[in-house]
Amino acid sequence: MSTADKCKANVRYVWACWKVNLASAMEYRLSFLLLAGMMFVNNAIWLFFWGLFFGRFPIVQGWELHDVMLLWAVSTGGFGWAAMLFGNFPRIAGIVATGHLDVYLSQPRPVLLSVLVSRCSVTAAGDFLFGIVVYLMVGDTSPRGILLFALGLLISGMLFIAVMVLAGCSAFWIGNAEGMTQQLFNSFIALTTYPSDIFRGFVKLALFSLVPAGFISYLPIGLLRNFDPVFASGAVGAAAGLTVAGALLFRKGLRRYASGNTIAMRS
């Protein structure tokens, strides 16, 4: 089979998985709507508190409430589409440590791709919808603004996936890394919802290197408010580079993987 044929087959496989995941989620529509709705409301409550804060301090390090709202639009929207379409990205460490990777090794598709697309996060639909609604409220809805927002969502989602894939791969070497990766996941999400300019020195440097949440938290300024080609190029490069690094590290980790003798079938 040629490379083009393999790519087409993988695309058809991913599309089929997405349709199955959607059908599974919609089987219990009331539950789906409640979970997504609760996440939407949860995000709205956080923005309400930010509104109270900026009501007292209108400008903080050059950031206004409008910028923070755009930050939440990009962060929640990016996480939303990533978790809806590639919902297993925060769970890789657990899948490896418990031996459940066996299920995916038996499939004639790229293992990492199979792992990622085999799950859909129901609550993430609320995140994605929240991001879209907030952007329509305060963002630039011109064609250029919509394209930049779409780019921001792509960068944000890719970074969420890549960082957690890299962290999850640690399970190939240290075994049970679920606790560590869950802490990283929670910290990464939290850092992407705070203005990057409130941090200084080593912490800010770490936000753009060790834990690259800064590339997400600066998107409202460097991409949406005042387009900075240097920052935009760096953010795209970081998202693409970390994605490739995650795929390569996962492939390397597979060589060390010891089967958990898990016999199971996915519906």
Protein backbone atom coordinates (compact mmCIF):
# COMPACT_ATOMS: atom_id res chain seq x y z
CA MET A 1 0.00 0.00 0.00
CA SER A 2 1.38 3.41 -0.98
CA THR A 3 1.84 6.26 1.49
CA ALA A 4 -1.13 8.10 -0.03
CA ASP A 5 -3.34 5.02 0.37
CA LYS A 6 -2.24 4.63 3.99
CA CYS A 7 -3.07 8.25 4.70
CA LYS A 8 -6.52 7.86 3.15
CA ALA A 9 -7.13 4.69 5.15
CA ASN A 10 -6.09 6.45 8.38
CA VAL A 11 -8.38 9.39 7.62
CA ARG A 12 -11.30 7.02 7.03
CA TYR A 13 -10.46 5.21 10.28
CA VAL A 14 -10.36 8.45 12.29
CA TRP A 15 -13.63 9.62 10.74
CA ALA A 16 -15.28 6.31 11.60
CA CYS A 17 -14.05 6.55 15.21
CA TRP A 18 -15.40 10.08 15.56
CA LYS A 19 -18.81 9.00 14.27
CA VAL A 20 -18.90 6.07 16.70
CA ASN A 21 -17.84 8.31 19.60
CA LEU A 22 -20.53 10.85 18.73
CA ALA A 23 -23.19 8.16 18.43
CA SER A 24 -22.13 6.75 21.79
CA ALA A 25 -22.27 10.18 23.45
CA MET A 26 -25.67 10.98 21.97
CA GLU A 27 -27.14 7.68 23.10
CA TYR A 28 -27.85 9.37 26.43
CA ARG A 29 -28.69 12.84 25.18
CA LEU A 30 -29.95 14.25 28.45
CA SER A 31 -26.76 13.21 30.22
CA PHE A 32 -24.69 14.65 27.37
CA LEU A 33 -26.51 18.00 27.53
CA LEU A 34 -26.31 18.17 31.31
CA LEU A 35 -22.59 17.42 31.46
CA ALA A 36 -21.73 19.82 28.65
CA GLY A 37 -24.02 22.45 30.13
CA MET A 38 -22.47 22.14 33.57
CA MET A 39 -19.02 22.69 32.11
CA PHE A 40 -20.29 25.75 30.22
CA VAL A 41 -21.71 27.17 33.45
CA ASN A 42 -18.51 26.35 35.36
CA ASN A 43 -16.45 28.35 32.88
CA ALA A 44 -18.95 31.21 32.98
CA ILE A 45 -18.63 31.38 36.78
CA TRP A 46 -14.85 31.75 36.47
CA LEU A 47 -15.29 34.61 34.01
CA PHE A 48 -17.79 36.21 36.38
CA PHE A 49 -15.14 36.32 39.09
CA TRP A 50 -12.63 37.75 36.63
CA GLY A 51 -15.23 40.42 35.85
CA LEU A 52 -15.43 41.29 39.56
CA PHE A 53 -11.65 41.49 39.75
CA PHE A 54 -11.29 43.80 36.75
CA GLY A 55 -14.17 45.89 38.04
CA ARG A 56 -11.83 46.84 40.89
CA PHE A 57 -8.55 46.79 38.94
CA PRO A 58 -9.38 47.75 35.30
CA ILE A 59 -5.85 47.15 33.94
CA VAL A 60 -3.33 44.60 35.22
CA GLN A 61 0.06 44.52 33.47
CA GLY A 62 -1.59 45.82 30.31
CA TRP A 63 -4.37 43.24 30.40
CA GLU A 64 -8.05 44.21 30.48
CA LEU A 65 -11.17 42.11 31.01
CA HIS A 66 -11.61 41.91 27.23
CA ASP A 67 -8.20 40.24 26.90
CA VAL A 68 -8.93 37.72 29.66
CA MET A 69 -12.21 36.83 28.00
CA LEU A 70 -10.34 36.18 24.76
CA LEU A 71 -7.85 34.09 26.73
CA TRP A 72 -10.64 31.90 28.07
CA ALA A 73 -12.16 31.67 24.59
CA VAL A 74 -8.90 30.37 23.12
CA SER A 75 -7.99 28.14 26.07
CA THR A 76 -11.38 26.48 26.62
CA GLY A 77 -12.13 26.29 22.90
CA GLY A 78 -8.77 24.69 22.11
CA PHE A 79 -9.07 22.21 24.94
CA GLY A 80 -12.66 21.51 23.91
CA TRP A 81 -11.98 20.39 20.36
CA ALA A 82 -8.90 18.44 21.42
CA ALA A 83 -10.77 16.51 24.12
CA MET A 84 -13.79 15.89 21.89
CA LEU A 85 -11.79 14.49 18.97
CA PHE A 86 -8.72 13.03 20.74
CA GLY A 87 -10.14 12.42 24.20
CA ASN A 88 -7.55 9.98 25.49
CA PHE A 89 -4.64 12.42 25.46
CA PRO A 90 -4.75 13.02 29.26
CA ARG A 91 -5.02 9.27 29.97
CA ILE A 92 -1.99 7.85 28.15
CA ALA A 93 0.02 7.23 31.31
CA GLY A 94 -2.79 5.15 32.81
CA ILE A 95 -3.34 3.21 29.57
CA VAL A 96 0.35 2.30 29.41
CA ALA A 97 0.77 1.51 33.12
CA THR A 98 -2.26 -0.77 33.30
CA GLY A 99 -1.42 -2.72 30.15
CA HIS A 100 -4.49 -1.54 28.24
CA LEU A 101 -2.26 -0.54 25.36
CA ASP A 102 -2.52 -4.18 24.22
CA VAL A 103 -5.93 -3.44 22.74
CA TYR A 104 -4.48 -0.86 20.36
CA LEU A 105 -1.39 -2.85 19.43
CA SER A 106 -3.62 -5.43 17.77
CA GLN A 107 -5.11 -2.88 15.36
CA PRO A 108 -3.66 -2.24 11.88
CA ARG A 109 -3.44 1.51 12.48
CA PRO A 110 -0.83 3.80 14.10
CA VAL A 111 -0.97 3.00 17.80
CA LEU A 112 -0.86 6.56 19.12
CA LEU A 113 -3.57 7.65 16.68
CA SER A 114 -5.77 4.72 17.73
CA VAL A 115 -5.30 5.57 21.40
CA LEU A 116 -6.15 9.24 20.95
CA VAL A 117 -9.29 8.88 18.83
CA SER A 118 -10.82 6.01 20.79
CA ARG A 119 -12.42 8.29 23.37
CA CYS A 120 -14.57 11.41 23.32
CA SER A 121 -14.90 13.72 26.34
CA VAL A 122 -18.55 14.68 26.74
CA THR A 123 -17.90 17.67 29.02
CA ALA A 124 -15.43 19.08 26.48
CA ALA A 125 -18.36 19.97 24.24
CA GLY A 126 -19.30 22.56 26.85
CA ASP A 127 -15.74 23.94 26.81
CA PHE A 128 -15.71 24.22 23.04
CA LEU A 129 -19.12 25.89 22.89
CA PHE A 130 -18.11 28.28 25.67
CA GLY A 131 -15.01 29.33 23.75
CA ILE A 132 -17.02 30.01 20.59
CA VAL A 133 -19.74 31.96 22.42
CA VAL A 134 -17.26 34.15 24.32
CA TYR A 135 -15.32 34.93 21.17
CA LEU A 136 -18.49 35.91 19.32
CA MET A 137 -19.31 38.23 22.24
CA VAL A 138 -15.99 40.09 22.45
CA GLY A 139 -13.80 39.03 19.52
CA ASP A 140 -13.20 40.37 16.02
CA THR A 141 -15.76 38.64 13.81
CA SER A 142 -14.27 39.86 10.53
CA PRO A 143 -12.90 37.14 8.20
CA ARG A 144 -9.37 37.96 9.37
CA GLY A 145 -10.39 37.82 13.02
CA ILE A 146 -12.16 34.48 12.58
CA LEU A 147 -9.10 33.01 10.82
CA LEU A 148 -6.78 34.19 13.60
CA PHE A 149 -9.12 32.76 16.23
CA ALA A 150 -9.22 29.44 14.37
CA LEU A 151 -5.42 29.45 14.32
CA GLY A 152 -5.41 30.18 18.06
CA LEU A 153 -7.75 27.24 18.70
CA LEU A 154 -5.52 24.98 16.60
CA ILE A 155 -2.36 26.02 18.46
CA SER A 156 -4.05 25.71 21.85
CA GLY A 157 -5.51 22.26 21.18
CA MET A 158 -2.28 20.91 19.70
CA LEU A 159 -0.31 22.09 22.72
CA PHE A 160 -2.74 20.43 25.13
CA ILE A 161 -2.41 17.14 23.24
CA ALA A 162 1.35 17.31 22.74
CA VAL A 163 2.22 18.19 26.33
CA MET A 164 0.09 15.39 27.74
CA VAL A 165 1.38 12.84 25.23
CA LEU A 166 4.94 13.72 26.22
CA ALA A 167 4.05 13.49 29.91
CA GLY A 168 2.13 10.25 29.43
CA CYS A 169 5.10 8.62 27.72
CA SER A 170 6.95 8.76 31.04
CA ALA A 171 4.95 5.67 32.00
CA PHE A 172 7.05 3.62 29.56
CA TRP A 173 10.10 4.30 31.75
CA ILE A 174 8.86 4.83 35.31
CA GLY A 175 5.71 2.71 35.37
CA ASN A 176 2.77 4.19 37.23
CA ALA A 177 2.91 7.89 36.33
CA GLU A 178 -0.81 8.63 36.51
CA GLY A 179 -0.59 10.82 39.60
CA MET A 180 2.26 12.89 38.21
CA THR A 181 0.64 13.40 34.80
CA GLN A 182 -2.70 14.30 36.39
CA GLN A 183 -1.00 16.98 38.47
CA LEU A 184 0.73 18.30 35.36
CA PHE A 185 -2.56 18.26 33.47
CA ASN A 186 -4.34 20.27 36.16
CA SER A 187 -1.46 22.73 36.45
CA PHE A 188 -1.21 23.18 32.70
CA ILE A 189 -4.93 23.92 32.39
CA ALA A 190 -4.76 26.42 35.27
CA LEU A 191 -1.75 28.24 33.81
CA THR A 192 -3.43 28.65 30.43
CA THR A 193 -6.27 30.65 32.01
CA TYR A 194 -4.09 33.33 33.65
CA PRO A 195 -2.53 36.29 31.81
CA SER A 196 1.07 35.41 31.05
CA ASP A 197 2.31 38.92 31.86
CA ILE A 198 1.53 38.58 35.58
CA PHE A 199 4.51 36.22 35.83
CA ARG A 200 8.11 37.37 35.95
CA GLY A 201 11.65 36.01 35.73
CA PHE A 202 12.22 32.25 35.77
CA VAL A 203 8.51 31.47 36.09
CA LYS A 204 7.71 33.31 32.86
CA LEU A 205 10.65 31.65 31.11
CA ALA A 206 9.35 28.27 32.25
CA LEU A 207 5.91 29.09 30.82
CA PHE A 208 7.44 29.31 27.37
CA SER A 209 9.79 26.34 27.72
CA LEU A 210 9.37 23.68 30.43
CA VAL A 211 5.58 23.98 30.65
CA PRO A 212 4.67 25.83 27.43
CA ALA A 213 1.37 27.19 28.72
CA GLY A 214 2.64 30.68 27.92
CA PHE A 215 2.14 30.09 24.21
CA ILE A 216 -1.58 29.69 24.95
CA SER A 217 -1.97 32.39 27.59
CA TYR A 218 -0.28 35.03 25.38
CA LEU A 219 -2.42 34.29 22.30
CA PRO A 220 -5.00 37.04 23.07
CA ILE A 221 -2.21 39.65 22.91
CA GLY A 222 0.31 38.31 20.41
CA LEU A 223 -2.19 36.83 17.98
CA LEU A 224 -5.67 38.30 18.43
CA ARG A 225 -5.14 41.86 19.70
CA ASN A 226 -1.83 42.88 18.12
CA PHE A 227 -0.67 40.28 15.64
CA ASP A 228 3.01 39.59 16.30
CA PRO A 229 4.49 37.47 13.49
CA VAL A 230 7.46 36.47 15.65
CA PHE A 231 5.26 35.20 18.48
CA ALA A 232 2.78 33.59 16.06
CA SER A 233 5.60 31.75 14.29
CA GLY A 234 7.03 30.65 17.62
CA ALA A 235 3.65 29.40 18.84
CA VAL A 236 3.02 27.45 15.63
CA GLY A 237 6.57 26.07 15.76
CA ALA A 238 6.19 25.05 19.41
CA ALA A 239 2.86 23.31 18.75
CA ALA A 240 4.20 21.47 15.69
CA GLY A 241 7.56 20.63 17.30
CA LEU A 242 6.05 19.27 20.51
CA THR A 243 3.51 17.25 18.51
CA VAL A 244 6.29 15.60 16.51
CA ALA A 245 8.36 15.08 19.67
CA GLY A 246 5.40 13.43 21.38
CA ALA A 247 4.84 11.06 18.47
CA LEU A 248 8.54 10.12 18.33
CA LEU A 249 8.81 9.61 22.09
CA PHE A 250 5.69 7.44 22.08
CA ARG A 251 7.17 5.31 19.29
CA LYS A 252 10.40 4.96 21.25
CA GLY A 253 8.47 4.05 24.38
CA LEU A 254 6.61 1.28 22.55
CA ARG A 255 9.91 -0.59 22.23
CA ARG A 256 10.07 -0.77 26.03
CA TYR A 257 6.42 -1.63 26.54
CA ALA A 258 5.71 -4.86 28.38
CA SER A 259 2.28 -6.33 27.67
CA GLY A 260 -0.22 -6.37 30.49
CA ASN A 261 -1.86 -9.48 28.96
CA THR A 262 -5.05 -7.48 28.65
CA ILE A 263 -7.61 -9.22 26.47
CA ALA A 264 -10.41 -6.81 25.64
CA MET A 265 -12.49 -5.52 22.80
CA ARG A 266 -13.63 -1.97 22.15
CA SER A 267 -17.22 -1.47 21.13
